[in-house]
Amino acid sequence: MSPIVTVQDAVTAFADFLEPTDAELDAVEREMPVILADVDLLDAYIVTLDRTPTELDNRRIRRARRRALAARVALLNQDAGASVPGGAA
């Protein structure tokens, strides 16, 4: 019969490496407008799950969808602008 040992020491030994790096935190910060726009879109969809959407619900969904797409376009344009040195295409 083999003894059961805990792996707590092995897990906590690498706890410092489990934290996100500054680059990862910066990436999340850059993507935050997209994340928040997606949350708004999901909220708009969730409201209509248990009932037939009204015209107001449809407008809310359309606005949230446009905001989500605009946030994605802004993020892509921001990333494209950063990757092209000197502004050359």
N, C-alpha and C. Protein backbone atom coordinates (compact mmCIF):
# COMPACT_ATOMS: atom_id res chain seq x y z
N MET A 1 0.85 -1.17 0.00
CA MET A 1 0.00 0.00 0.00
C MET A 1 0.90 1.24 0.00
N SER A 2 0.65 2.13 -0.95
CA SER A 2 1.47 3.33 -1.03
C SER A 2 0.83 4.46 -0.22
N PRO A 3 1.64 5.25 0.43
CA PRO A 3 1.08 6.34 1.24
C PRO A 3 0.56 7.47 0.34
N ILE A 4 -0.45 8.14 0.82
CA ILE A 4 -1.02 9.27 0.11
C ILE A 4 -0.30 10.52 0.61
N VAL A 5 0.28 11.26 -0.30
CA VAL A 5 0.98 12.48 0.08
C VAL A 5 0.29 13.66 -0.57
N THR A 6 0.43 14.79 0.05
CA THR A 6 -0.18 15.98 -0.54
C THR A 6 0.80 16.60 -1.53
N VAL A 7 0.24 17.31 -2.46
CA VAL A 7 1.06 17.99 -3.45
C VAL A 7 1.10 19.49 -3.18
N GLN A 8 0.71 19.88 -1.96
CA GLN A 8 0.67 21.29 -1.63
C GLN A 8 2.02 21.96 -1.81
N ASP A 9 3.10 21.31 -1.35
CA ASP A 9 4.43 21.92 -1.48
C ASP A 9 4.80 22.08 -2.95
N ALA A 10 4.47 21.12 -3.77
CA ALA A 10 4.81 21.21 -5.19
C ALA A 10 4.01 22.31 -5.87
N VAL A 11 2.77 22.49 -5.46
CA VAL A 11 1.93 23.50 -6.08
C VAL A 11 2.33 24.90 -5.63
N THR A 12 2.53 25.07 -4.35
CA THR A 12 2.85 26.41 -3.85
C THR A 12 4.28 26.81 -4.15
N ALA A 13 5.13 25.87 -4.51
CA ALA A 13 6.50 26.22 -4.86
C ALA A 13 6.54 27.07 -6.13
N PHE A 14 5.55 26.89 -7.00
CA PHE A 14 5.51 27.64 -8.26
C PHE A 14 4.43 28.73 -8.24
N ALA A 15 3.98 29.13 -7.07
CA ALA A 15 2.90 30.11 -6.97
C ALA A 15 3.28 31.43 -7.62
N ASP A 16 4.54 31.84 -7.53
CA ASP A 16 4.95 33.10 -8.14
C ASP A 16 4.83 33.05 -9.66
N PHE A 17 5.00 31.86 -10.23
CA PHE A 17 4.93 31.73 -11.68
C PHE A 17 3.50 31.65 -12.19
N LEU A 18 2.54 31.48 -11.30
CA LEU A 18 1.15 31.37 -11.71
C LEU A 18 0.49 32.73 -11.88
N GLU A 19 1.12 33.78 -11.42
CA GLU A 19 0.57 35.12 -11.56
C GLU A 19 0.71 35.59 -13.01
N PRO A 20 -0.24 36.39 -13.49
CA PRO A 20 -0.12 36.89 -14.86
C PRO A 20 1.04 37.88 -14.98
N THR A 21 1.65 37.88 -16.13
CA THR A 21 2.76 38.79 -16.37
C THR A 21 2.21 40.18 -16.69
N ASP A 22 3.09 41.16 -16.70
CA ASP A 22 2.66 42.52 -17.05
C ASP A 22 2.13 42.58 -18.48
N ALA A 23 2.73 41.83 -19.38
CA ALA A 23 2.26 41.81 -20.77
C ALA A 23 0.85 41.22 -20.86
N GLU A 24 0.58 40.17 -20.08
CA GLU A 24 -0.75 39.57 -20.10
C GLU A 24 -1.78 40.53 -19.51
N LEU A 25 -1.42 41.23 -18.45
CA LEU A 25 -2.34 42.21 -17.86
C LEU A 25 -2.60 43.37 -18.81
N ASP A 26 -1.57 43.80 -19.55
CA ASP A 26 -1.75 44.85 -20.54
C ASP A 26 -2.67 44.39 -21.66
N ALA A 27 -2.55 43.13 -22.07
CA ALA A 27 -3.41 42.60 -23.12
C ALA A 27 -4.87 42.56 -22.66
N VAL A 28 -5.09 42.18 -21.42
CA VAL A 28 -6.45 42.16 -20.89
C VAL A 28 -7.00 43.58 -20.81
N GLU A 29 -6.16 44.53 -20.41
CA GLU A 29 -6.59 45.93 -20.34
C GLU A 29 -6.95 46.47 -21.71
N ARG A 30 -6.18 46.10 -22.75
CA ARG A 30 -6.48 46.53 -24.12
C ARG A 30 -7.80 45.94 -24.60
N GLU A 31 -8.09 44.71 -24.19
CA GLU A 31 -9.29 44.02 -24.66
C GLU A 31 -10.52 44.30 -23.80
N MET A 32 -10.36 45.06 -22.73
CA MET A 32 -11.47 45.31 -21.81
C MET A 32 -12.69 45.96 -22.47
N PRO A 33 -12.54 46.92 -23.39
CA PRO A 33 -13.76 47.46 -24.05
C PRO A 33 -14.53 46.39 -24.82
N VAL A 34 -13.82 45.46 -25.44
CA VAL A 34 -14.49 44.37 -26.17
C VAL A 34 -15.22 43.45 -25.19
N ILE A 35 -14.57 43.16 -24.08
CA ILE A 35 -15.17 42.28 -23.07
C ILE A 35 -16.44 42.92 -22.52
N LEU A 36 -16.37 44.19 -22.17
CA LEU A 36 -17.54 44.87 -21.62
C LEU A 36 -18.67 44.99 -22.64
N ALA A 37 -18.33 45.23 -23.90
CA ALA A 37 -19.36 45.28 -24.94
C ALA A 37 -20.02 43.92 -25.13
N ASP A 38 -19.23 42.84 -25.05
CA ASP A 38 -19.80 41.50 -25.15
C ASP A 38 -20.71 41.20 -23.96
N VAL A 39 -20.35 41.67 -22.79
CA VAL A 39 -21.20 41.47 -21.60
C VAL A 39 -22.53 42.20 -21.80
N ASP A 40 -22.48 43.41 -22.32
CA ASP A 40 -23.73 44.14 -22.60
C ASP A 40 -24.59 43.40 -23.62
N LEU A 41 -23.97 42.84 -24.64
CA LEU A 41 -24.72 42.09 -25.64
C LEU A 41 -25.35 40.84 -25.01
N LEU A 42 -24.59 40.15 -24.20
CA LEU A 42 -25.16 38.97 -23.52
C LEU A 42 -26.30 39.36 -22.59
N ASP A 43 -26.16 40.47 -21.89
CA ASP A 43 -27.26 40.95 -21.04
C ASP A 43 -28.51 41.21 -21.86
N ALA A 44 -28.34 41.80 -23.03
CA ALA A 44 -29.49 42.08 -23.89
C ALA A 44 -30.16 40.79 -24.34
N TYR A 45 -29.35 39.78 -24.64
CA TYR A 45 -29.92 38.49 -25.04
C TYR A 45 -30.59 37.79 -23.86
N ILE A 46 -29.99 37.87 -22.69
CA ILE A 46 -30.54 37.18 -21.51
C ILE A 46 -31.91 37.73 -21.15
N VAL A 47 -32.11 39.01 -21.32
CA VAL A 47 -33.40 39.62 -21.00
C VAL A 47 -34.52 38.98 -21.83
N THR A 48 -34.21 38.56 -23.04
CA THR A 48 -35.24 38.04 -23.94
C THR A 48 -35.36 36.52 -23.92
N LEU A 49 -34.66 35.86 -23.02
CA LEU A 49 -34.68 34.39 -23.03
C LEU A 49 -36.05 33.80 -22.71
N ASP A 50 -36.76 34.39 -21.78
CA ASP A 50 -38.01 33.77 -21.32
C ASP A 50 -39.26 34.47 -21.84
N ARG A 51 -39.09 35.34 -22.82
CA ARG A 51 -40.25 36.02 -23.38
C ARG A 51 -39.98 36.41 -24.82
N THR A 52 -41.01 36.77 -25.50
CA THR A 52 -40.87 37.24 -26.88
C THR A 52 -40.28 38.64 -26.85
N PRO A 53 -39.22 38.88 -27.61
CA PRO A 53 -38.60 40.22 -27.59
C PRO A 53 -39.55 41.30 -28.11
N THR A 54 -39.59 42.39 -27.41
CA THR A 54 -40.37 43.54 -27.86
C THR A 54 -39.50 44.37 -28.81
N GLU A 55 -40.10 45.41 -29.37
CA GLU A 55 -39.34 46.29 -30.25
C GLU A 55 -38.20 46.96 -29.47
N LEU A 56 -38.45 47.31 -28.21
CA LEU A 56 -37.42 47.91 -27.38
C LEU A 56 -36.26 46.92 -27.14
N ASP A 57 -36.61 45.65 -26.92
CA ASP A 57 -35.58 44.62 -26.75
C ASP A 57 -34.75 44.47 -28.02
N ASN A 58 -35.42 44.48 -29.16
CA ASN A 58 -34.70 44.35 -30.43
C ASN A 58 -33.75 45.53 -30.65
N ARG A 59 -34.19 46.73 -30.29
CA ARG A 59 -33.30 47.89 -30.40
C ARG A 59 -32.10 47.77 -29.48
N ARG A 60 -32.36 47.31 -28.26
CA ARG A 60 -31.26 47.14 -27.30
C ARG A 60 -30.25 46.13 -27.82
N ILE A 61 -30.72 45.04 -28.39
CA ILE A 61 -29.82 44.02 -28.94
C ILE A 61 -29.03 44.59 -30.12
N ARG A 62 -29.71 45.32 -31.01
CA ARG A 62 -29.00 45.91 -32.15
C ARG A 62 -27.94 46.90 -31.71
N ARG A 63 -28.28 47.75 -30.72
CA ARG A 63 -27.29 48.71 -30.21
C ARG A 63 -26.11 48.00 -29.57
N ALA A 64 -26.40 46.96 -28.78
CA ALA A 64 -25.33 46.22 -28.12
C ALA A 64 -24.46 45.49 -29.15
N ARG A 65 -25.07 44.97 -30.20
CA ARG A 65 -24.30 44.29 -31.25
C ARG A 65 -23.40 45.28 -31.98
N ARG A 66 -23.93 46.48 -32.27
CA ARG A 66 -23.12 47.51 -32.93
C ARG A 66 -21.96 47.95 -32.04
N ARG A 67 -22.22 48.10 -30.73
CA ARG A 67 -21.13 48.48 -29.82
C ARG A 67 -20.06 47.40 -29.75
N ALA A 68 -20.48 46.13 -29.74
CA ALA A 68 -19.52 45.03 -29.68
C ALA A 68 -18.67 45.00 -30.96
N LEU A 69 -19.30 45.19 -32.09
CA LEU A 69 -18.55 45.20 -33.35
C LEU A 69 -17.61 46.41 -33.42
N ALA A 70 -18.09 47.56 -32.97
CA ALA A 70 -17.25 48.76 -32.98
C ALA A 70 -16.04 48.59 -32.05
N ALA A 71 -16.25 47.95 -30.91
CA ALA A 71 -15.13 47.71 -29.99
C ALA A 71 -14.11 46.77 -30.61
N ARG A 72 -14.59 45.75 -31.31
CA ARG A 72 -13.66 44.82 -31.98
C ARG A 72 -12.87 45.53 -33.08
N VAL A 73 -13.56 46.37 -33.86
CA VAL A 73 -12.89 47.11 -34.93
C VAL A 73 -11.84 48.05 -34.34
N ALA A 74 -12.19 48.73 -33.26
CA ALA A 74 -11.25 49.64 -32.62
C ALA A 74 -10.02 48.89 -32.11
N LEU A 75 -10.24 47.71 -31.55
CA LEU A 75 -9.11 46.91 -31.07
C LEU A 75 -8.24 46.45 -32.23
N LEU A 76 -8.86 46.01 -33.31
CA LEU A 76 -8.08 45.59 -34.48
C LEU A 76 -7.30 46.75 -35.07
N ASN A 77 -7.93 47.92 -35.17
CA ASN A 77 -7.23 49.09 -35.70
C ASN A 77 -6.09 49.51 -34.79
N GLN A 78 -6.31 49.40 -33.49
CA GLN A 78 -5.26 49.74 -32.53
C GLN A 78 -4.08 48.78 -32.69
N ASP A 79 -4.36 47.49 -32.81
CA ASP A 79 -3.30 46.49 -32.97
C ASP A 79 -2.60 46.65 -34.31
N ALA A 80 -3.34 46.95 -35.37
CA ALA A 80 -2.75 47.12 -36.69
C ALA A 80 -1.85 48.36 -36.71
N GLY A 81 -2.28 49.42 -36.04
CA GLY A 81 -1.48 50.63 -35.99
C GLY A 81 -0.20 50.43 -35.21
N ALA A 82 -0.25 49.57 -34.20
CA ALA A 82 0.94 49.33 -33.39
C ALA A 82 1.93 48.41 -34.08
N SER A 83 1.44 47.57 -35.00
CA SER A 83 2.33 46.58 -35.62
C SER A 83 3.02 47.12 -36.88
N VAL A 84 2.54 48.24 -37.42
CA VAL A 84 3.14 48.80 -38.63
C VAL A 84 4.06 49.93 -38.23
N PRO A 85 5.38 49.74 -38.38
CA PRO A 85 6.30 50.80 -37.99
C PRO A 85 6.22 51.99 -38.93
N GLY A 86 6.25 53.18 -38.37
CA GLY A 86 6.26 54.38 -39.18
C GLY A 86 4.96 54.69 -39.87
N GLY A 87 3.91 53.95 -39.62
CA GLY A 87 2.62 54.20 -40.23
C GLY A 87 2.52 53.75 -41.67
N ALA A 88 3.52 53.05 -42.16
CA ALA A 88 3.48 52.56 -43.54
C ALA A 88 2.58 51.35 -43.64
N ALA A 89 1.89 51.21 -44.74
CA ALA A 89 1.00 50.07 -44.94
C ALA A 89 1.70 48.92 -45.58
